[in-house]
Amino acid sequence: MISLTRMDATEFVLNSDHILFLESTPDTVITLVSGVRLMVRDAVSDVVAKTVAFRRKQFEGVALHGAAAPPAAIEG
């Protein structure tokens, strides 16, 4: 989840997994996989940086705790 700012200065949190693509028109327009379009004050580069930071944070948790080990083979 990333924090962004709408054009009216209100903040909201967006699930970055739902971003289909970003445009700079010159305002930043985010198109979601649902087809919904959002215009935000944040620059495209800032949205990308926030998304990368969020994903990096998620993967750091995996690296620290390791992936779940596969179940042991049943000997018979």
C-alpha atoms as a PDB file:
ATOM      1  CA  MET A   1       0.000   0.000   0.000  1.00  0.00           C
ATOM      2  CA  ILE A   2       1.295   3.441  -0.891  1.00  0.00           C
ATOM      3  CA  SER A   3       0.200   6.884   0.337  1.00  0.00           C
ATOM      4  CA  LEU A   4      -0.725   9.383  -2.349  1.00  0.00           C
ATOM      5  CA  THR A   5      -2.331  12.827  -2.520  1.00  0.00           C
ATOM      6  CA  ARG A   6      -5.409  13.664  -4.576  1.00  0.00           C
ATOM      7  CA  MET A   7      -5.581  16.945  -6.485  1.00  0.00           C
ATOM      8  CA  ASP A   8      -7.751  18.433  -3.672  1.00  0.00           C
ATOM      9  CA  ALA A   9      -4.875  17.731  -1.203  1.00  0.00           C
ATOM     10  CA  THR A  10      -6.589  14.829   0.561  1.00  0.00           C
ATOM     11  CA  GLU A  11      -4.399  11.831   1.214  1.00  0.00           C
ATOM     12  CA  PHE A  12      -5.357   8.244   0.494  1.00  0.00           C
ATOM     13  CA  VAL A  13      -3.721   4.840   0.416  1.00  0.00           C
ATOM     14  CA  LEU A  14      -3.655   2.787  -2.767  1.00  0.00           C
ATOM     15  CA  ASN A  15      -2.986  -0.904  -3.201  1.00  0.00           C
ATOM     16  CA  SER A  16      -0.146  -0.661  -5.716  1.00  0.00           C
ATOM     17  CA  ASP A  17      -0.924  -4.170  -7.010  1.00  0.00           C
ATOM     18  CA  HIS A  18      -3.923  -2.612  -8.773  1.00  0.00           C
ATOM     19  CA  ILE A  19      -1.905  -0.142 -10.879  1.00  0.00           C
ATOM     20  CA  LEU A  20      -2.069  -0.955 -14.590  1.00  0.00           C
ATOM     21  CA  PHE A  21      -0.086   2.051 -15.798  1.00  0.00           C
ATOM     22  CA  LEU A  22       0.915   5.636 -15.013  1.00  0.00           C
ATOM     23  CA  GLU A  23       0.766   8.700 -17.259  1.00  0.00           C
ATOM     24  CA  SER A  24       2.124  12.212 -16.969  1.00  0.00           C
ATOM     25  CA  THR A  25      -0.309  14.427 -18.905  1.00  0.00           C
ATOM     26  CA  PRO A  26       1.222  16.755 -17.281  1.00  0.00           C
ATOM     27  CA  ASP A  27      -0.735  15.738 -14.161  1.00  0.00           C
ATOM     28  CA  THR A  28      -0.133  12.205 -12.963  1.00  0.00           C
ATOM     29  CA  VAL A  29      -2.935   9.859 -13.967  1.00  0.00           C
ATOM     30  CA  ILE A  30      -3.041   6.340 -12.529  1.00  0.00           C
ATOM     31  CA  THR A  31      -5.098   3.768 -14.386  1.00  0.00           C
ATOM     32  CA  LEU A  32      -6.091   0.769 -12.283  1.00  0.00           C
ATOM     33  CA  VAL A  33      -6.697  -2.741 -13.592  1.00  0.00           C
ATOM     34  CA  SER A  34     -10.424  -2.114 -13.026  1.00  0.00           C
ATOM     35  CA  GLY A  35     -10.311   0.781 -15.513  1.00  0.00           C
ATOM     36  CA  VAL A  36     -10.719   3.441 -12.809  1.00  0.00           C
ATOM     37  CA  ARG A  37      -8.502   6.466 -13.409  1.00  0.00           C
ATOM     38  CA  LEU A  38      -7.101   8.553 -10.556  1.00  0.00           C
ATOM     39  CA  MET A  39      -5.398  11.940 -10.857  1.00  0.00           C
ATOM     40  CA  VAL A  40      -2.861  12.660  -8.122  1.00  0.00           C
ATOM     41  CA  ARG A  41      -0.455  15.434  -7.131  1.00  0.00           C
ATOM     42  CA  ASP A  42       2.456  12.997  -6.818  1.00  0.00           C
ATOM     43  CA  ALA A  43       4.857  12.851  -9.762  1.00  0.00           C
ATOM     44  CA  VAL A  44       5.047   9.612 -11.769  1.00  0.00           C
ATOM     45  CA  SER A  45       8.601   9.088 -10.499  1.00  0.00           C
ATOM     46  CA  ASP A  46       7.373   9.435  -6.887  1.00  0.00           C
ATOM     47  CA  VAL A  47       4.591   6.872  -7.416  1.00  0.00           C
ATOM     48  CA  VAL A  48       7.132   4.477  -8.923  1.00  0.00           C
ATOM     49  CA  ALA A  49       9.596   5.091  -6.051  1.00  0.00           C
ATOM     50  CA  LYS A  50       6.895   4.510  -3.424  1.00  0.00           C
ATOM     51  CA  THR A  51       5.801   1.305  -5.162  1.00  0.00           C
ATOM     52  CA  VAL A  52       9.374   0.016  -5.391  1.00  0.00           C
ATOM     53  CA  ALA A  53      10.012   0.855  -1.724  1.00  0.00           C
ATOM     54  CA  PHE A  54       6.817  -0.939  -0.687  1.00  0.00           C
ATOM     55  CA  ARG A  55       7.685  -4.054  -2.716  1.00  0.00           C
ATOM     56  CA  ARG A  56      11.269  -4.042  -1.426  1.00  0.00           C
ATOM     57  CA  LYS A  57       9.920  -3.923   2.135  1.00  0.00           C
ATOM     58  CA  GLN A  58       7.686  -6.926   1.397  1.00  0.00           C
ATOM     59  CA  PHE A  59      10.558  -8.964  -0.027  1.00  0.00           C
ATOM     60  CA  GLU A  60      12.884  -8.048   2.851  1.00  0.00           C
ATOM     61  CA  GLY A  61      10.446  -9.850   5.149  1.00  0.00           C
ATOM     62  CA  VAL A  62      10.701 -12.951   2.981  1.00  0.00           C
ATOM     63  CA  ALA A  63      14.494 -12.748   2.938  1.00  0.00           C
ATOM     64  CA  LEU A  64      14.692 -12.331   6.723  1.00  0.00           C
ATOM     65  CA  HIS A  65      12.266 -15.095   7.598  1.00  0.00           C
ATOM     66  CA  GLY A  66      12.884 -17.334   4.616  1.00  0.00           C
ATOM     67  CA  ALA A  67      10.327 -19.030   2.471  1.00  0.00           C
ATOM     68  CA  ALA A  68       8.296 -21.782   4.017  1.00  0.00           C
ATOM     69  CA  ALA A  69      10.229 -25.022   3.881  1.00  0.00           C
ATOM     70  CA  PRO A  70       8.647 -27.815   1.852  1.00  0.00           C
ATOM     71  CA  PRO A  71       7.120 -30.600   3.947  1.00  0.00           C
ATOM     72  CA  ALA A  72       9.439 -33.481   4.724  1.00  0.00           C
ATOM     73  CA  ALA A  73       9.015 -36.565   2.566  1.00  0.00           C
ATOM     74  CA  ILE A  74       7.032 -39.334   4.200  1.00  0.00           C
ATOM     75  CA  GLU A  75       9.131 -42.424   4.557  1.00  0.00           C
ATOM     76  CA  GLY A  76       7.298 -45.619   4.174  1.00  0.00           C
END
